[in-house]
Amino acid sequence: AFYLKTKFEKLDGRIFETKVTAITIPTDSASIVRGRVLTVSCKHCHGDDYAGKAFFDDPTIGYMASANLSRSAGSATEKYTDLDWVRTLRHGLNPSGRALMIMPAENIGQASDEDLGCIIAYMKTVKPIEKAKGPTQFTLFAKLLAGAGAFGDLYPYDVIKHEDLQHVTAPLKSPQADYGNYLTRFHGCRSCHGPQFNGGKHPAPTAPPVPNITGGGHVGKWSLAEFKSTIRNGKTPEGKSLDPEFMPWPGIGAHEDVELEAIYNYIKSLPSLPNSAELEKAIKSQPKG
């Protein structure tokens, strides 16, 4: 127990020197609108006003609030420069180089320079909102679980290939599968659905199993119209309501039709696979009834 607790605690507060390459931050209205679309997913963790909210508040795990991104006085991003935004979004570090916990930079950082510039441009227009939050506190039980790896990689900095992210390009926006692949990487679909998209255990300990979305699962059998309707409205053709807490469909649904078609075409291009062993294990461990 002491080993696992110490292992987790040693991860906090680490400082890294990482090369951060500046990108162009646009100022035109079309780019800011694009940034607004790309940041809908950010609301899932940071709240509708981007001012932060309780990320988890559970007596068995502890308490942690997400950062206030609204640049209000005393907020995490109050004094952010453009380069600081890139450092955080692409490399998972704050301005001083401290590794950030549960900040999905391994996904967001794969946005093209152009899209990342739009995100930063939009965030600079967000209304500053002051919001108090309590200190982060983890229970001993949570520290033991984290030390054992039950929560996955808590610090994305550790898994990012930083040298590959100095400049990032994207395919031309189109309904083609390669553009859909780009969008699934930005949205981190593999983080939950697995590297082969055939499902698994969700990173959150209280979440339900993550479905297989290849041809071996329900999603692989949906029509384009059914896929778009599900992602836009949060209800599957089978009548199941998607919980945005675990499946962040509003952020994906904010995209244009051509982008949703690209994601659909990419999913349809994947090999049809049976459920992963991890998914089958997660299903069997679910409470009955």
C-alpha atoms as a PDB file:
ATOM      1  CA  ALA A   1       0.000   0.000   0.000  1.00  0.00           C
ATOM      2  CA  PHE A   2       2.789   2.431   0.882  1.00  0.00           C
ATOM      3  CA  TYR A   3       4.483   1.737  -2.468  1.00  0.00           C
ATOM      4  CA  LEU A   4       1.331   2.458  -4.490  1.00  0.00           C
ATOM      5  CA  LYS A   5       0.547   5.622  -2.503  1.00  0.00           C
ATOM      6  CA  THR A   6       4.116   6.919  -2.919  1.00  0.00           C
ATOM      7  CA  LYS A   7       4.142   6.040  -6.611  1.00  0.00           C
ATOM      8  CA  PHE A   8       1.061   8.194  -7.205  1.00  0.00           C
ATOM      9  CA  GLU A   9       2.280  11.103  -5.062  1.00  0.00           C
ATOM     10  CA  LYS A  10       5.633  11.224  -6.872  1.00  0.00           C
ATOM     11  CA  LEU A  11       3.860  11.979 -10.138  1.00  0.00           C
ATOM     12  CA  ASP A  12       2.480  15.279  -8.860  1.00  0.00           C
ATOM     13  CA  GLY A  13       4.444  18.512  -9.224  1.00  0.00           C
ATOM     14  CA  ARG A  14       6.908  17.299 -11.867  1.00  0.00           C
ATOM     15  CA  ILE A  15       8.403  20.041 -14.062  1.00  0.00           C
ATOM     16  CA  PHE A  16       9.459  19.454 -17.663  1.00  0.00           C
ATOM     17  CA  GLU A  17      11.399  21.464 -20.218  1.00  0.00           C
ATOM     18  CA  THR A  18       9.694  20.795 -23.541  1.00  0.00           C
ATOM     19  CA  LYS A  19      10.107  22.550 -26.861  1.00  0.00           C
ATOM     20  CA  VAL A  20       6.925  24.443 -27.708  1.00  0.00           C
ATOM     21  CA  THR A  21       6.516  25.763 -31.241  1.00  0.00           C
ATOM     22  CA  ALA A  22       4.447  28.896 -31.799  1.00  0.00           C
ATOM     23  CA  ILE A  23       1.519  28.739 -34.205  1.00  0.00           C
ATOM     24  CA  THR A  24      -0.519  31.446 -35.906  1.00  0.00           C
ATOM     25  CA  ILE A  25      -3.519  32.608 -33.886  1.00  0.00           C
ATOM     26  CA  PRO A  26      -6.167  34.014 -36.238  1.00  0.00           C
ATOM     27  CA  THR A  27      -8.449  36.942 -35.471  1.00  0.00           C
ATOM     28  CA  ASP A  28     -11.109  36.658 -38.191  1.00  0.00           C
ATOM     29  CA  SER A  29     -14.695  35.814 -37.281  1.00  0.00           C
ATOM     30  CA  ALA A  30     -14.825  32.542 -39.250  1.00  0.00           C
ATOM     31  CA  SER A  31     -11.852  31.156 -37.332  1.00  0.00           C
ATOM     32  CA  ILE A  32     -13.389  32.162 -34.005  1.00  0.00           C
ATOM     33  CA  VAL A  33     -16.624  30.399 -34.958  1.00  0.00           C
ATOM     34  CA  ARG A  34     -14.590  27.321 -35.848  1.00  0.00           C
ATOM     35  CA  GLY A  35     -12.907  27.525 -32.452  1.00  0.00           C
ATOM     36  CA  ARG A  36     -16.287  27.719 -30.737  1.00  0.00           C
ATOM     37  CA  VAL A  37     -17.336  24.460 -32.430  1.00  0.00           C
ATOM     38  CA  LEU A  38     -14.086  22.714 -31.523  1.00  0.00           C
ATOM     39  CA  THR A  39     -14.368  23.728 -27.853  1.00  0.00           C
ATOM     40  CA  VAL A  40     -17.883  22.375 -27.256  1.00  0.00           C
ATOM     41  CA  SER A  41     -16.178  19.197 -26.012  1.00  0.00           C
ATOM     42  CA  CYS A  42     -14.236  21.273 -23.473  1.00  0.00           C
ATOM     43  CA  LYS A  43     -17.505  22.123 -21.739  1.00  0.00           C
ATOM     44  CA  HIS A  44     -17.845  18.479 -20.738  1.00  0.00           C
ATOM     45  CA  CYS A  45     -15.124  18.974 -18.108  1.00  0.00           C
ATOM     46  CA  HIS A  46     -14.883  22.752 -17.722  1.00  0.00           C
ATOM     47  CA  GLY A  47     -18.592  23.659 -17.692  1.00  0.00           C
ATOM     48  CA  ASP A  48     -20.770  25.580 -20.124  1.00  0.00           C
ATOM     49  CA  ASP A  49     -19.051  28.839 -19.138  1.00  0.00           C
ATOM     50  CA  TYR A  50     -15.534  27.289 -19.238  1.00  0.00           C
ATOM     51  CA  ALA A  51     -15.052  28.498 -15.650  1.00  0.00           C
ATOM     52  CA  GLY A  52     -14.565  25.017 -14.212  1.00  0.00           C
ATOM     53  CA  LYS A  53     -16.725  22.622 -12.236  1.00  0.00           C
ATOM     54  CA  ALA A  54     -16.383  19.651  -9.922  1.00  0.00           C
ATOM     55  CA  PHE A  55     -14.665  17.032 -12.027  1.00  0.00           C
ATOM     56  CA  PHE A  56     -15.335  14.437  -9.369  1.00  0.00           C
ATOM     57  CA  ASP A  57     -16.729  14.721  -5.862  1.00  0.00           C
ATOM     58  CA  ASP A  58     -17.017  11.304  -4.287  1.00  0.00           C
ATOM     59  CA  PRO A  59     -16.357  10.320  -0.657  1.00  0.00           C
ATOM     60  CA  THR A  60     -14.509   7.182  -1.761  1.00  0.00           C
ATOM     61  CA  ILE A  61     -12.251   8.995  -4.237  1.00  0.00           C
ATOM     62  CA  GLY A  62     -12.076  12.613  -3.137  1.00  0.00           C
ATOM     63  CA  TYR A  63     -12.603  15.972  -4.789  1.00  0.00           C
ATOM     64  CA  MET A  64     -11.131  17.658  -7.833  1.00  0.00           C
ATOM     65  CA  ALA A  65     -12.415  20.631  -9.827  1.00  0.00           C
ATOM     66  CA  SER A  66     -11.452  21.366 -13.410  1.00  0.00           C
ATOM     67  CA  ALA A  67      -9.531  24.548 -14.171  1.00  0.00           C
ATOM     68  CA  ASN A  68     -11.170  27.888 -14.870  1.00  0.00           C
ATOM     69  CA  LEU A  69     -10.293  28.621 -18.515  1.00  0.00           C
ATOM     70  CA  SER A  70     -12.115  31.955 -18.694  1.00  0.00           C
ATOM     71  CA  ARG A  71      -9.024  34.054 -17.890  1.00  0.00           C
ATOM     72  CA  SER A  72     -10.711  35.713 -14.910  1.00  0.00           C
ATOM     73  CA  ALA A  73      -8.652  37.130 -12.052  1.00  0.00           C
ATOM     74  CA  GLY A  74      -6.970  34.295 -10.202  1.00  0.00           C
ATOM     75  CA  SER A  75      -7.894  31.675 -12.803  1.00  0.00           C
ATOM     76  CA  ALA A  76      -5.440  29.146 -14.195  1.00  0.00           C
ATOM     77  CA  THR A  77      -5.370  30.938 -17.549  1.00  0.00           C
ATOM     78  CA  GLU A  78      -5.506  34.559 -16.358  1.00  0.00           C
ATOM     79  CA  LYS A  79      -2.031  35.408 -17.668  1.00  0.00           C
ATOM     80  CA  TYR A  80      -1.763  32.843 -20.465  1.00  0.00           C
ATOM     81  CA  THR A  81       0.168  33.888 -23.549  1.00  0.00           C
ATOM     82  CA  ASP A  82      -0.519  32.282 -26.923  1.00  0.00           C
ATOM     83  CA  LEU A  83       2.493  30.024 -26.373  1.00  0.00           C
ATOM     84  CA  ASP A  84       1.160  29.013 -22.947  1.00  0.00           C
ATOM     85  CA  TRP A  85      -2.076  27.855 -24.588  1.00  0.00           C
ATOM     86  CA  VAL A  86      -0.083  25.733 -27.035  1.00  0.00           C
ATOM     87  CA  ARG A  87       2.011  24.310 -24.193  1.00  0.00           C
ATOM     88  CA  THR A  88      -1.115  23.229 -22.320  1.00  0.00           C
ATOM     89  CA  LEU A  89      -3.269  22.037 -25.209  1.00  0.00           C
ATOM     90  CA  ARG A  90      -0.529  20.250 -27.130  1.00  0.00           C
ATOM     91  CA  HIS A  91       1.870  19.111 -24.404  1.00  0.00           C
ATOM     92  CA  GLY A  92      -0.187  18.875 -21.196  1.00  0.00           C
ATOM     93  CA  LEU A  93       1.925  21.390 -19.249  1.00  0.00           C
ATOM     94  CA  ASN A  94       1.112  24.630 -17.476  1.00  0.00           C
ATOM     95  CA  PRO A  95       3.203  27.777 -18.151  1.00  0.00           C
ATOM     96  CA  SER A  96       5.822  26.740 -15.585  1.00  0.00           C
ATOM     97  CA  GLY A  97       6.187  23.300 -17.171  1.00  0.00           C
ATOM     98  CA  ARG A  98       4.259  21.359 -14.521  1.00  0.00           C
ATOM     99  CA  ALA A  99       2.516  18.272 -15.869  1.00  0.00           C
ATOM    100  CA  LEU A 100      -1.274  18.597 -15.708  1.00  0.00           C
ATOM    101  CA  MET A 101      -3.515  15.803 -14.479  1.00  0.00           C
ATOM    102  CA  ILE A 102      -6.418  14.503 -16.613  1.00  0.00           C
ATOM    103  CA  MET A 103      -5.942  17.222 -19.247  1.00  0.00           C
ATOM    104  CA  PRO A 104      -6.511  15.319 -22.531  1.00  0.00           C
ATOM    105  CA  ALA A 105      -3.671  16.979 -24.419  1.00  0.00           C
ATOM    106  CA  GLU A 106      -2.833  13.615 -25.994  1.00  0.00           C
ATOM    107  CA  ASN A 107      -6.051  14.111 -27.995  1.00  0.00           C
ATOM    108  CA  ILE A 108      -6.493  17.889 -28.324  1.00  0.00           C
ATOM    109  CA  GLY A 109      -2.811  18.269 -29.176  1.00  0.00           C
ATOM    110  CA  GLN A 110      -3.412  16.315 -32.379  1.00  0.00           C
ATOM    111  CA  ALA A 111      -5.497  19.189 -33.742  1.00  0.00           C
ATOM    112  CA  SER A 112      -3.843  20.785 -36.748  1.00  0.00           C
ATOM    113  CA  ASP A 113      -1.985  24.053 -36.253  1.00  0.00           C
ATOM    114  CA  GLU A 114      -4.908  25.747 -37.990  1.00  0.00           C
ATOM    115  CA  ASP A 115      -7.580  24.177 -35.767  1.00  0.00           C
ATOM    116  CA  LEU A 116      -5.531  24.673 -32.612  1.00  0.00           C
ATOM    117  CA  GLY A 117      -5.117  28.319 -33.560  1.00  0.00           C
ATOM    118  CA  CYS A 118      -8.908  28.604 -33.908  1.00  0.00           C
ATOM    119  CA  ILE A 119      -9.405  27.043 -30.462  1.00  0.00           C
ATOM    120  CA  ILE A 120      -7.025  29.512 -28.849  1.00  0.00           C
ATOM    121  CA  ALA A 121      -8.558  32.419 -30.760  1.00  0.00           C
ATOM    122  CA  TYR A 122     -11.995  31.519 -29.457  1.00  0.00           C
ATOM    123  CA  MET A 123     -10.860  30.945 -25.870  1.00  0.00           C
ATOM    124  CA  LYS A 124      -9.437  34.470 -25.851  1.00  0.00           C
ATOM    125  CA  THR A 125     -12.967  35.774 -26.501  1.00  0.00           C
ATOM    126  CA  VAL A 126     -14.629  33.857 -23.638  1.00  0.00           C
ATOM    127  CA  LYS A 127     -16.146  36.079 -20.947  1.00  0.00           C
ATOM    128  CA  PRO A 128     -14.031  36.040 -17.748  1.00  0.00           C
ATOM    129  CA  ILE A 129     -15.998  34.494 -14.878  1.00  0.00           C
ATOM    130  CA  GLU A 130     -14.717  34.241 -11.328  1.00  0.00           C
ATOM    131  CA  LYS A 131     -15.631  30.971  -9.660  1.00  0.00           C
ATOM    132  CA  ALA A 132     -14.331  29.629  -6.379  1.00  0.00           C
ATOM    133  CA  LYS A 133     -13.316  26.000  -6.083  1.00  0.00           C
ATOM    134  CA  GLY A 134     -12.071  23.847  -3.264  1.00  0.00           C
ATOM    135  CA  PRO A 135      -8.628  22.247  -3.036  1.00  0.00           C
ATOM    136  CA  THR A 136      -7.942  18.959  -4.754  1.00  0.00           C
ATOM    137  CA  GLN A 137      -8.078  16.102  -2.266  1.00  0.00           C
ATOM    138  CA  PHE A 138      -7.651  12.380  -2.902  1.00  0.00           C
ATOM    139  CA  THR A 139      -8.545   9.661  -0.424  1.00  0.00           C
ATOM    140  CA  LEU A 140      -6.009   6.995   0.441  1.00  0.00           C
ATOM    141  CA  PHE A 141      -8.161   4.507  -1.466  1.00  0.00           C
ATOM    142  CA  ALA A 142      -7.974   6.691  -4.607  1.00  0.00           C
ATOM    143  CA  LYS A 143      -4.206   7.037  -4.279  1.00  0.00           C
ATOM    144  CA  LEU A 144      -3.825   3.272  -4.038  1.00  0.00           C
ATOM    145  CA  LEU A 145      -6.017   2.741  -7.105  1.00  0.00           C
ATOM    146  CA  ALA A 146      -4.154   5.422  -9.054  1.00  0.00           C
ATOM    147  CA  GLY A 147      -0.794   3.963  -8.059  1.00  0.00           C
ATOM    148  CA  ALA A 148      -1.976   0.588  -9.305  1.00  0.00           C
ATOM    149  CA  GLY A 149      -2.947   2.124 -12.656  1.00  0.00           C
ATOM    150  CA  ALA A 150      -6.709   1.680 -12.243  1.00  0.00           C
ATOM    151  CA  PHE A 151      -7.366   5.175 -13.633  1.00  0.00           C
ATOM    152  CA  GLY A 152      -5.065   4.808 -16.626  1.00  0.00           C
ATOM    153  CA  ASP A 153      -2.499   7.468 -17.496  1.00  0.00           C
ATOM    154  CA  LEU A 154      -3.386  10.394 -15.253  1.00  0.00           C
ATOM    155  CA  TYR A 155      -0.718  12.655 -16.744  1.00  0.00           C
ATOM    156  CA  PRO A 156      -1.029  12.841 -20.548  1.00  0.00           C
ATOM    157  CA  TYR A 157       2.417  14.442 -20.777  1.00  0.00           C
ATOM    158  CA  ASP A 158       3.872  10.996 -20.125  1.00  0.00           C
ATOM    159  CA  VAL A 159       2.271   9.407 -23.210  1.00  0.00           C
ATOM    160  CA  ILE A 160       2.504  12.252 -25.746  1.00  0.00           C
ATOM    161  CA  LYS A 161       5.088  12.024 -28.529  1.00  0.00           C
ATOM    162  CA  HIS A 162       6.092  15.655 -28.146  1.00  0.00           C
ATOM    163  CA  GLU A 163       8.564  15.698 -31.031  1.00  0.00           C
ATOM    164  CA  ASP A 164       5.725  14.798 -33.438  1.00  0.00           C
ATOM    165  CA  LEU A 165       3.559  17.713 -32.340  1.00  0.00           C
ATOM    166  CA  GLN A 166       5.733  20.723 -33.118  1.00  0.00           C
ATOM    167  CA  HIS A 167       3.622  21.213 -36.255  1.00  0.00           C
ATOM    168  CA  VAL A 168       0.479  19.267 -37.118  1.00  0.00           C
ATOM    169  CA  THR A 169      -1.452  19.265 -40.376  1.00  0.00           C
ATOM    170  CA  ALA A 170      -4.872  17.842 -41.209  1.00  0.00           C
ATOM    171  CA  PRO A 171      -6.329  16.355 -44.380  1.00  0.00           C
ATOM    172  CA  LEU A 172      -8.565  18.613 -46.437  1.00  0.00           C
ATOM    173  CA  LYS A 173     -12.020  18.841 -44.875  1.00  0.00           C
ATOM    174  CA  SER A 174     -14.166  16.326 -46.745  1.00  0.00           C
ATOM    175  CA  PRO A 175     -16.436  13.325 -46.101  1.00  0.00           C
ATOM    176  CA  GLN A 176     -13.472  11.024 -46.712  1.00  0.00           C
ATOM    177  CA  ALA A 177     -12.341   8.481 -44.103  1.00  0.00           C
ATOM    178  CA  ASP A 178      -8.897  10.070 -43.658  1.00  0.00           C
ATOM    179  CA  TYR A 179     -10.488  13.291 -42.440  1.00  0.00           C
ATOM    180  CA  GLY A 180     -12.736  11.264 -40.154  1.00  0.00           C
ATOM    181  CA  ASN A 181      -9.653   9.579 -38.703  1.00  0.00           C
ATOM    182  CA  TYR A 182      -8.228  13.026 -37.933  1.00  0.00           C
ATOM    183  CA  LEU A 183     -11.403  14.017 -36.079  1.00  0.00           C
ATOM    184  CA  THR A 184     -11.513  10.786 -34.058  1.00  0.00           C
ATOM    185  CA  ARG A 185      -7.954  11.448 -32.913  1.00  0.00           C
ATOM    186  CA  PHE A 186      -8.781  15.006 -31.871  1.00  0.00           C
ATOM    187  CA  HIS A 187     -11.853  13.826 -29.955  1.00  0.00           C
ATOM    188  CA  GLY A 188      -9.950  10.960 -28.339  1.00  0.00           C
ATOM    189  CA  CYS A 189     -12.320   8.212 -29.474  1.00  0.00           C
ATOM    190  CA  ARG A 190      -9.583   5.618 -28.946  1.00  0.00           C
ATOM    191  CA  SER A 191      -9.196   6.651 -25.304  1.00  0.00           C
ATOM    192  CA  CYS A 192     -12.543   5.006 -24.555  1.00  0.00           C
ATOM    193  CA  HIS A 193     -13.397   2.735 -27.488  1.00  0.00           C
ATOM    194  CA  GLY A 194      -9.914   1.213 -27.599  1.00  0.00           C
ATOM    195  CA  PRO A 195      -7.120   1.354 -30.180  1.00  0.00           C
ATOM    196  CA  GLN A 196      -9.125  -0.869 -32.539  1.00  0.00           C
ATOM    197  CA  PHE A 197     -12.512   0.683 -31.666  1.00  0.00           C
ATOM    198  CA  ASN A 198     -13.903  -2.645 -30.482  1.00  0.00           C
ATOM    199  CA  GLY A 199     -14.703  -1.422 -26.993  1.00  0.00           C
ATOM    200  CA  GLY A 200     -13.386  -1.837 -23.502  1.00  0.00           C
ATOM    201  CA  LYS A 201     -13.468  -0.441 -19.994  1.00  0.00           C
ATOM    202  CA  HIS A 202     -14.022   3.306 -19.637  1.00  0.00           C
ATOM    203  CA  PRO A 203     -11.189   5.205 -17.853  1.00  0.00           C
ATOM    204  CA  ALA A 204     -13.690   6.464 -15.249  1.00  0.00           C
ATOM    205  CA  PRO A 205     -14.209   3.789 -12.567  1.00  0.00           C
ATOM    206  CA  THR A 206     -17.966   4.423 -12.316  1.00  0.00           C
ATOM    207  CA  ALA A 207     -18.620   4.398 -16.063  1.00  0.00           C
ATOM    208  CA  PRO A 208     -20.390   1.612 -17.955  1.00  0.00           C
ATOM    209  CA  PRO A 209     -18.454  -0.535 -20.453  1.00  0.00           C
ATOM    210  CA  VAL A 210     -17.585   1.243 -23.715  1.00  0.00           C
ATOM    211  CA  PRO A 211     -19.206  -0.381 -26.762  1.00  0.00           C
ATOM    212  CA  ASN A 212     -17.624  -1.921 -29.805  1.00  0.00           C
ATOM    213  CA  ILE A 213     -18.233   0.548 -32.674  1.00  0.00           C
ATOM    214  CA  THR A 214     -16.763  -1.553 -35.489  1.00  0.00           C
ATOM    215  CA  GLY A 215     -18.988  -3.718 -37.688  1.00  0.00           C
ATOM    216  CA  GLY A 216     -19.022  -6.228 -34.847  1.00  0.00           C
ATOM    217  CA  GLY A 217     -21.145  -3.871 -32.711  1.00  0.00           C
ATOM    218  CA  HIS A 218     -24.369  -1.898 -33.129  1.00  0.00           C
ATOM    219  CA  VAL A 219     -22.740   1.307 -34.396  1.00  0.00           C
ATOM    220  CA  GLY A 220     -21.111  -0.485 -37.305  1.00  0.00           C
ATOM    221  CA  LYS A 221     -24.573  -1.454 -38.551  1.00  0.00           C
ATOM    222  CA  TRP A 222     -26.092   2.049 -38.451  1.00  0.00           C
ATOM    223  CA  SER A 223     -26.859   4.044 -41.588  1.00  0.00           C
ATOM    224  CA  LEU A 224     -25.320   7.487 -42.041  1.00  0.00           C
ATOM    225  CA  ALA A 225     -28.649   9.098 -41.168  1.00  0.00           C
ATOM    226  CA  GLU A 226     -28.906   7.027 -37.968  1.00  0.00           C
ATOM    227  CA  PHE A 227     -25.341   7.897 -37.002  1.00  0.00           C
ATOM    228  CA  LYS A 228     -25.912  11.638 -37.502  1.00  0.00           C
ATOM    229  CA  SER A 229     -29.179  11.539 -35.569  1.00  0.00           C
ATOM    230  CA  THR A 230     -27.541   9.698 -32.672  1.00  0.00           C
ATOM    231  CA  ILE A 231     -24.596  12.086 -32.453  1.00  0.00           C
ATOM    232  CA  ARG A 232     -26.824  15.146 -32.750  1.00  0.00           C
ATOM    233  CA  ASN A 233     -29.610  14.030 -30.391  1.00  0.00           C
ATOM    234  CA  GLY A 234     -27.976  11.528 -28.039  1.00  0.00           C
ATOM    235  CA  LYS A 235     -30.411   8.684 -28.723  1.00  0.00           C
ATOM    236  CA  THR A 236     -29.463   5.517 -30.616  1.00  0.00           C
ATOM    237  CA  PRO A 237     -31.597   3.707 -33.216  1.00  0.00           C
ATOM    238  CA  GLU A 238     -32.056   0.989 -30.579  1.00  0.00           C
ATOM    239  CA  GLY A 239     -33.702   3.552 -28.291  1.00  0.00           C
ATOM    240  CA  LYS A 240     -30.838   3.955 -25.826  1.00  0.00           C
ATOM    241  CA  SER A 241     -30.092   7.444 -24.460  1.00  0.00           C
ATOM    242  CA  LEU A 242     -26.386   8.281 -24.410  1.00  0.00           C
ATOM    243  CA  ASP A 243     -25.135   9.737 -21.143  1.00  0.00           C
ATOM    244  CA  PRO A 244     -22.985  12.772 -22.078  1.00  0.00           C
ATOM    245  CA  GLU A 245     -21.046  12.221 -18.872  1.00  0.00           C
ATOM    246  CA  PHE A 246     -19.492   9.132 -20.439  1.00  0.00           C
ATOM    247  CA  MET A 247     -20.122   9.574 -24.177  1.00  0.00           C
ATOM    248  CA  PRO A 248     -19.507  13.276 -25.021  1.00  0.00           C
ATOM    249  CA  TRP A 249     -21.814  13.335 -28.038  1.00  0.00           C
ATOM    250  CA  PRO A 250     -22.613  17.092 -27.825  1.00  0.00           C
ATOM    251  CA  GLY A 251     -19.011  17.985 -28.732  1.00  0.00           C
ATOM    252  CA  ILE A 252     -18.968  15.657 -31.727  1.00  0.00           C
ATOM    253  CA  GLY A 253     -22.496  16.659 -32.723  1.00  0.00           C
ATOM    254  CA  ALA A 254     -21.443  20.306 -32.987  1.00  0.00           C
ATOM    255  CA  HIS A 255     -19.560  19.505 -36.193  1.00  0.00           C
ATOM    256  CA  GLU A 256     -20.847  20.099 -39.702  1.00  0.00           C
ATOM    257  CA  ASP A 257     -22.611  17.335 -41.631  1.00  0.00           C
ATOM    258  CA  VAL A 258     -19.560  16.776 -43.846  1.00  0.00           C
ATOM    259  CA  GLU A 259     -17.425  16.150 -40.746  1.00  0.00           C
ATOM    260  CA  LEU A 260     -19.896  13.717 -39.200  1.00  0.00           C
ATOM    261  CA  GLU A 261     -20.011  11.891 -42.540  1.00  0.00           C
ATOM    262  CA  ALA A 262     -16.209  11.690 -42.484  1.00  0.00           C
ATOM    263  CA  ILE A 263     -16.263  10.149 -38.990  1.00  0.00           C
ATOM    264  CA  TYR A 264     -18.951   7.703 -40.102  1.00  0.00           C
ATOM    265  CA  ASN A 265     -16.976   6.733 -43.195  1.00  0.00           C
ATOM    266  CA  TYR A 266     -13.858   6.193 -41.113  1.00  0.00           C
ATOM    267  CA  ILE A 267     -15.707   3.948 -38.662  1.00  0.00           C
ATOM    268  CA  LYS A 268     -17.215   2.000 -41.562  1.00  0.00           C
ATOM    269  CA  SER A 269     -13.716   1.542 -43.032  1.00  0.00           C
ATOM    270  CA  LEU A 270     -12.499  -0.250 -39.889  1.00  0.00           C
ATOM    271  CA  PRO A 271     -12.245  -4.050 -39.776  1.00  0.00           C
ATOM    272  CA  SER A 272     -15.324  -5.689 -38.290  1.00  0.00           C
ATOM    273  CA  LEU A 273     -14.114  -7.039 -34.959  1.00  0.00           C
ATOM    274  CA  PRO A 274     -15.664  -8.962 -32.072  1.00  0.00           C
ATOM    275  CA  ASN A 275     -15.823  -7.280 -28.686  1.00  0.00           C
ATOM    276  CA  SER A 276     -12.408  -6.854 -27.102  1.00  0.00           C
ATOM    277  CA  ALA A 277     -11.483  -9.117 -24.211  1.00  0.00           C
ATOM    278  CA  GLU A 278     -11.479  -6.032 -21.989  1.00  0.00           C
ATOM    279  CA  LEU A 279     -15.051  -5.185 -23.038  1.00  0.00           C
ATOM    280  CA  GLU A 280     -16.270  -8.732 -22.377  1.00  0.00           C
ATOM    281  CA  LYS A 281     -14.644  -8.617 -18.947  1.00  0.00           C
ATOM    282  CA  ALA A 282     -16.233  -5.221 -18.214  1.00  0.00           C
ATOM    283  CA  ILE A 283     -19.672  -6.499 -19.275  1.00  0.00           C
ATOM    284  CA  LYS A 284     -19.394  -9.571 -17.034  1.00  0.00           C
ATOM    285  CA  SER A 285     -18.395  -7.402 -14.057  1.00  0.00           C
ATOM    286  CA  GLN A 286     -21.499  -5.203 -14.402  1.00  0.00           C
ATOM    287  CA  PRO A 287     -24.087  -5.610 -11.635  1.00  0.00           C
ATOM    288  CA  LYS A 288     -27.044  -7.746 -12.702  1.00  0.00           C
ATOM    289  CA  GLY A 289     -30.541  -6.377 -12.937  1.00  0.00           C
END
